[in-house]
Amino acid sequence: MVSKQEQAPRDSTDVAPKDASTVILIRDAEADAAAPGIEVFLLRRVKGMAFAGGMTVFPGGGVDPSDADAEVDWAGPSVDWWAGRFSTDAARAKALVCAAVRETFEECGVLLAGPSADTVVADTSRYAQSRTQLEKRELSFSDFLKRENLVLRADLLRPWANWITPVGEGRRYDTRFFVAAAPHGQIADGATSEAEDVQWQSPAAALAHWQGGGSILLPPTWSQLTALSAFGSVADVLAAEPEIPVILPTLITDEEQLRVEFPGQDGYYEAGPHPWASRD
């Protein structure tokens, strides 16, 4: 999911995709939950947003120039390891991981960082002012981490998927998806100007809500929820090592109604509202 507003160029066929990071936060369902297994954190974007307005998504956003230049204390797999998993170069991999941690903190207050390489912040409310400054780009993420003496916990993230916005769209993103377990004690919230509503749901419940017309899911969001519905616990998800092909859906414009084609799309068009239903 991408969160920054931009002006769409007139000739959208020539738009180069911008790098972006999306984080699928997961947690184990409570013992007395209606459905055992995992839950995912979802937010419904404000309808007026320039990209994916009104749609239900995971936290995330575009890579900022400061992410590429960030000098941070780093715990976990090396930048080269991330580059290999996402089939990119080290500089881009570093920017993607930094963006993933930064955007997750900005959008829902979950901070994948800690005072040391093997700890994580227990309560992020003390950083509320910094969070606002980060969202307004008044503070860089690396300066925030340095000021608070925090270590970026790249080991809490797992690479998950890579989707690119179809050619022909006015705003395009090359988005790497990550999964991460919500740190114990931290509270994911909706304290961002970009969200109308947030909630934890099981993947199955989120898909059922969409099937009933209660939400609009982009193909990547639907695909990740579908894949995650097969896992029974957070540990199972974090232990997975999925293949990460680059998925570039095809925008179909020569039919009565716009649509996109992508691998495993059959279930997507069987039920639920689609983003292109109201577009000519």
Protein backbone atom coordinates (compact mmCIF):
# COMPACT_ATOMS: atom_id res chain seq x y z
CA MET A 1 0.00 0.00 0.00
CA VAL A 2 1.23 3.51 -0.83
CA SER A 3 0.41 6.62 1.08
CA LYS A 4 1.88 9.73 -0.51
CA GLN A 5 -0.19 11.94 -2.79
CA GLU A 6 1.23 12.98 -6.15
CA GLN A 7 -0.05 14.63 -9.30
CA ALA A 8 -0.77 12.08 -12.03
CA PRO A 9 1.06 12.78 -15.30
CA ARG A 10 -1.08 13.24 -18.36
CA ASP A 11 0.49 10.36 -20.28
CA SER A 12 0.26 7.53 -17.77
CA THR A 13 1.70 4.94 -20.16
CA ASP A 14 5.17 6.39 -19.60
CA VAL A 15 5.07 6.48 -15.79
CA ALA A 16 7.99 4.68 -14.18
CA PRO A 17 7.03 2.84 -10.97
CA LYS A 18 8.24 4.32 -7.71
CA ASP A 19 9.74 2.04 -5.07
CA ALA A 20 7.44 1.34 -2.12
CA SER A 21 7.28 -0.90 0.94
CA THR A 22 4.23 -2.50 2.53
CA VAL A 23 4.23 -4.35 5.86
CA ILE A 24 1.68 -7.02 6.74
CA LEU A 25 1.49 -6.93 10.53
CA ILE A 26 0.32 -10.23 12.01
CA ARG A 27 -0.48 -11.61 15.44
CA ASP A 28 -1.84 -14.85 16.84
CA ALA A 29 -5.56 -14.76 17.56
CA GLU A 30 -6.58 -14.76 21.21
CA ALA A 31 -7.32 -18.18 22.73
CA ASP A 32 -11.02 -17.33 22.97
CA ALA A 33 -11.27 -15.84 19.49
CA ALA A 34 -14.08 -16.98 17.22
CA ALA A 35 -11.52 -18.35 14.77
CA PRO A 36 -8.06 -19.68 15.73
CA GLY A 37 -5.01 -18.80 13.67
CA ILE A 38 -3.58 -15.41 12.79
CA GLU A 39 -4.96 -11.90 12.48
CA VAL A 40 -3.72 -9.12 10.20
CA PHE A 41 -3.80 -5.37 10.71
CA LEU A 42 -5.79 -3.53 8.05
CA LEU A 43 -6.67 0.10 7.52
CA ARG A 44 -9.25 1.71 5.25
CA ARG A 45 -7.76 4.69 3.47
CA VAL A 46 -9.45 8.07 3.43
CA LYS A 47 -11.65 8.32 0.33
CA GLY A 48 -10.01 11.54 -0.82
CA MET A 49 -6.53 10.03 -1.07
CA ALA A 50 -4.97 10.28 -4.50
CA PHE A 51 -3.99 6.60 -4.56
CA ALA A 52 -6.28 3.77 -3.42
CA GLY A 53 -8.67 6.13 -1.66
CA GLY A 54 -11.39 4.27 0.26
CA MET A 55 -9.68 0.89 -0.13
CA THR A 56 -8.65 -1.50 2.62
CA VAL A 57 -4.89 -2.03 2.70
CA PHE A 58 -1.86 -2.90 4.81
CA PRO A 59 0.40 -0.16 6.22
CA GLY A 60 3.05 1.11 3.86
CA GLY A 61 4.13 3.81 1.46
CA GLY A 62 6.62 5.11 -1.02
CA VAL A 63 10.36 5.06 -0.40
CA ASP A 64 11.59 8.51 0.63
CA PRO A 65 15.00 9.83 -0.53
CA SER A 66 16.04 9.92 3.13
CA ASP A 67 15.52 6.14 3.37
CA ALA A 68 18.31 5.55 0.88
CA ASP A 69 20.67 7.87 2.78
CA ALA A 70 19.76 6.59 6.23
CA GLU A 71 22.66 5.76 8.55
CA VAL A 72 21.19 3.52 11.22
CA ASP A 73 22.24 0.85 13.67
CA TRP A 74 21.02 -2.35 12.02
CA ALA A 75 20.17 -5.73 13.52
CA GLY A 76 19.35 -8.77 11.43
CA PRO A 77 20.07 -10.04 7.92
CA SER A 78 22.53 -7.96 5.96
CA VAL A 79 21.53 -5.52 3.25
CA ASP A 80 23.03 -7.95 0.72
CA TRP A 81 20.72 -10.71 2.00
CA TRP A 82 17.70 -8.48 1.49
CA ALA A 83 18.95 -7.55 -1.95
CA GLY A 84 19.13 -11.21 -2.89
CA ARG A 85 15.63 -12.00 -1.64
CA PHE A 86 14.10 -9.06 -3.49
CA SER A 87 16.29 -9.41 -6.60
CA THR A 88 17.65 -5.90 -6.41
CA ASP A 89 20.83 -4.06 -5.46
CA ALA A 90 22.04 -3.34 -1.94
CA ALA A 91 21.26 0.39 -1.98
CA ARG A 92 17.66 -0.19 -2.99
CA ALA A 93 17.26 -3.05 -0.50
CA LYS A 94 18.43 -0.83 2.35
CA ALA A 95 15.99 1.91 1.33
CA LEU A 96 13.12 -0.59 1.10
CA VAL A 97 13.74 -1.99 4.59
CA CYS A 98 14.11 1.47 6.12
CA ALA A 99 10.91 2.59 4.38
CA ALA A 100 9.08 -0.49 5.67
CA VAL A 101 9.97 0.25 9.28
CA ARG A 102 9.39 4.01 8.94
CA GLU A 103 6.02 3.74 7.19
CA THR A 104 4.74 1.17 9.67
CA PHE A 105 5.58 3.51 12.53
CA GLU A 106 4.04 6.52 10.79
CA GLU A 107 0.82 4.79 9.81
CA CYS A 108 -0.03 2.69 12.85
CA GLY A 109 2.48 3.47 15.60
CA VAL A 110 4.23 0.10 15.53
CA LEU A 111 8.00 0.53 15.72
CA LEU A 112 10.28 -2.34 14.73
CA ALA A 113 13.25 -0.99 16.65
CA GLY A 114 14.69 -1.28 20.11
CA PRO A 115 17.38 -0.05 22.52
CA SER A 116 19.61 -2.98 21.49
CA ALA A 117 19.92 -5.59 18.77
CA ASP A 118 17.83 -8.10 20.73
CA THR A 119 15.16 -5.86 22.27
CA VAL A 120 12.18 -3.93 20.92
CA VAL A 121 10.40 -0.84 22.18
CA ALA A 122 7.54 -1.87 24.49
CA ASP A 123 5.50 1.34 24.28
CA THR A 124 5.72 3.79 21.39
CA SER A 125 3.41 6.47 22.82
CA ARG A 126 6.41 8.44 24.07
CA TYR A 127 7.39 9.00 20.43
CA ALA A 128 4.06 10.50 19.36
CA GLN A 129 5.52 13.90 18.52
CA SER A 130 8.36 12.36 16.53
CA ARG A 131 5.84 10.23 14.66
CA THR A 132 3.98 13.35 13.57
CA GLN A 133 7.23 15.01 12.51
CA LEU A 134 8.19 11.95 10.48
CA GLU A 135 4.84 11.92 8.69
CA LYS A 136 5.22 15.63 7.85
CA ARG A 137 8.82 15.04 6.70
CA GLU A 138 10.09 17.44 9.35
CA LEU A 139 12.35 14.71 10.75
CA SER A 140 14.28 11.96 9.01
CA PHE A 141 13.94 8.40 10.23
CA SER A 142 17.68 7.98 10.75
CA ASP A 143 17.84 11.18 12.85
CA PHE A 144 14.91 9.91 14.92
CA LEU A 145 16.59 6.55 15.60
CA LYS A 146 19.89 8.22 16.46
CA ARG A 147 18.27 10.73 18.80
CA GLU A 148 16.46 7.95 20.67
CA ASN A 149 19.42 5.52 20.55
CA LEU A 150 17.37 2.86 18.77
CA VAL A 151 18.47 -0.07 16.62
CA LEU A 152 16.48 -0.90 13.48
CA ARG A 153 15.31 -4.52 13.84
CA ALA A 154 15.45 -5.81 10.26
CA ASP A 155 15.34 -9.32 11.72
CA LEU A 156 11.70 -8.77 12.71
CA LEU A 157 10.74 -8.47 9.03
CA ARG A 158 10.38 -11.23 6.44
CA PRO A 159 10.31 -10.72 2.65
CA TRP A 160 6.96 -11.78 1.24
CA ALA A 161 5.98 -10.53 -2.25
CA ASN A 162 6.68 -8.04 -5.04
CA TRP A 163 3.90 -6.38 -7.05
CA ILE A 164 4.09 -3.58 -9.61
CA THR A 165 1.17 -1.31 -10.50
CA PRO A 166 -0.05 -2.06 -14.06
CA VAL A 167 1.25 -0.06 -17.00
CA GLY A 168 -1.38 2.52 -17.89
CA GLU A 169 -2.14 3.68 -14.36
CA GLY A 170 -1.37 7.30 -13.50
CA ARG A 171 0.49 6.39 -10.33
CA ARG A 172 2.67 3.32 -10.34
CA TYR A 173 4.62 1.60 -7.58
CA ASP A 174 7.10 -1.24 -7.43
CA THR A 175 6.04 -2.52 -4.01
CA ARG A 176 7.88 -5.03 -1.88
CA PHE A 177 5.69 -6.72 0.72
CA PHE A 178 7.04 -7.73 4.11
CA VAL A 179 5.47 -9.62 7.01
CA ALA A 180 6.20 -8.87 10.66
CA ALA A 181 4.80 -9.97 13.99
CA ALA A 182 3.37 -7.08 16.00
CA PRO A 183 5.78 -6.57 18.94
CA HIS A 184 4.37 -7.54 22.33
CA GLY A 185 3.04 -4.52 24.22
CA GLN A 186 2.85 -2.20 21.23
CA ILE A 187 -0.59 -1.07 20.06
CA ALA A 188 -1.35 -0.67 16.37
CA ASP A 189 -3.64 2.34 16.00
CA GLY A 190 -5.35 4.53 13.44
CA ALA A 191 -3.75 7.80 14.50
CA THR A 192 -2.92 8.90 10.98
CA SER A 193 -4.59 11.37 8.65
CA GLU A 194 -4.61 8.71 5.92
CA ALA A 195 -6.94 6.18 7.58
CA GLU A 196 -10.69 6.28 8.19
CA ASP A 197 -10.76 3.03 10.11
CA VAL A 198 -8.39 0.30 11.31
CA GLN A 199 -8.92 -3.19 12.64
CA TRP A 200 -7.41 -6.59 13.26
CA GLN A 201 -9.09 -9.40 11.33
CA SER A 202 -8.30 -12.96 10.42
CA PRO A 203 -7.50 -13.27 6.71
CA ALA A 204 -10.66 -15.34 6.26
CA ALA A 205 -12.80 -12.70 8.00
CA ALA A 206 -11.26 -9.92 5.93
CA LEU A 207 -12.00 -11.83 2.74
CA ALA A 208 -15.56 -12.57 3.88
CA HIS A 209 -16.07 -8.89 4.67
CA TRP A 210 -14.92 -8.02 1.15
CA GLN A 211 -17.12 -10.70 -0.40
CA GLY A 212 -20.09 -9.15 1.38
CA GLY A 213 -19.33 -5.75 -0.10
CA GLY A 214 -17.93 -4.30 3.12
CA SER A 215 -14.54 -3.35 1.68
CA ILE A 216 -12.62 -2.84 -1.54
CA LEU A 217 -9.40 -4.81 -1.97
CA LEU A 218 -6.71 -4.23 -4.56
CA PRO A 219 -5.39 -7.44 -6.18
CA PRO A 220 -2.16 -7.52 -4.12
CA THR A 221 -4.07 -7.12 -0.85
CA TRP A 222 -6.55 -9.82 -1.83
CA SER A 223 -3.72 -12.13 -2.91
CA GLN A 224 -1.79 -11.73 0.35
CA LEU A 225 -4.90 -12.31 2.46
CA THR A 226 -5.67 -15.41 0.42
CA ALA A 227 -2.15 -16.75 0.90
CA LEU A 228 -2.08 -15.97 4.63
CA SER A 229 -5.39 -17.73 5.23
CA ALA A 230 -3.51 -21.03 4.88
CA PHE A 231 -1.30 -20.38 7.93
CA GLY A 232 -2.27 -21.41 11.45
CA SER A 233 0.15 -19.31 13.49
CA VAL A 234 2.55 -16.38 13.39
CA ALA A 235 5.44 -18.81 13.81
CA ASP A 236 4.36 -20.66 10.67
CA VAL A 237 4.28 -17.43 8.68
CA LEU A 238 7.68 -16.27 9.88
CA ALA A 239 9.19 -19.66 9.10
CA ALA A 240 7.94 -19.60 5.50
CA GLU A 241 10.35 -18.84 2.67
CA PRO A 242 8.06 -17.93 -0.24
CA GLU A 243 9.22 -17.51 -3.78
CA ILE A 244 9.04 -13.83 -4.69
CA PRO A 245 8.35 -13.44 -8.40
CA VAL A 246 7.76 -9.95 -9.76
CA ILE A 247 4.03 -9.70 -10.44
CA LEU A 248 2.99 -7.08 -13.00
CA PRO A 249 -0.77 -7.24 -13.59
CA THR A 250 -2.09 -6.31 -17.02
CA LEU A 251 -4.61 -3.50 -17.28
CA ILE A 252 -7.39 -4.46 -19.71
CA THR A 253 -9.01 -1.40 -21.30
CA ASP A 254 -10.66 -2.83 -24.42
CA GLU A 255 -13.64 -4.32 -22.58
CA GLU A 256 -16.87 -2.74 -21.38
CA GLN A 257 -15.43 -2.44 -17.87
CA LEU A 258 -11.82 -1.94 -16.82
CA ARG A 259 -10.11 -4.84 -15.10
CA VAL A 260 -6.65 -6.23 -14.46
CA GLU A 261 -5.34 -9.71 -15.06
CA PHE A 262 -2.87 -11.29 -12.65
CA PRO A 263 -1.75 -14.78 -11.55
CA GLY A 264 -4.33 -16.58 -9.42
CA GLN A 265 -7.05 -14.07 -10.18
CA ASP A 266 -10.02 -16.46 -10.49
CA GLY A 267 -11.33 -16.03 -6.96
CA TYR A 268 -10.91 -12.28 -7.12
CA TYR A 269 -13.53 -11.83 -9.81
CA GLU A 270 -16.02 -14.28 -8.34
CA ALA A 271 -17.17 -11.94 -5.56
CA GLY A 272 -16.63 -8.60 -3.89
CA PRO A 273 -16.29 -5.04 -5.18
CA HIS A 274 -13.34 -4.11 -7.37
CA PRO A 275 -11.46 -0.81 -7.63
CA TRP A 276 -12.31 -0.34 -11.30
CA ALA A 277 -16.08 -0.84 -11.01
CA SER A 278 -16.80 2.91 -11.09
CA ARG A 279 -14.23 3.86 -13.71
CA ASP A 280 -14.88 4.27 -17.40
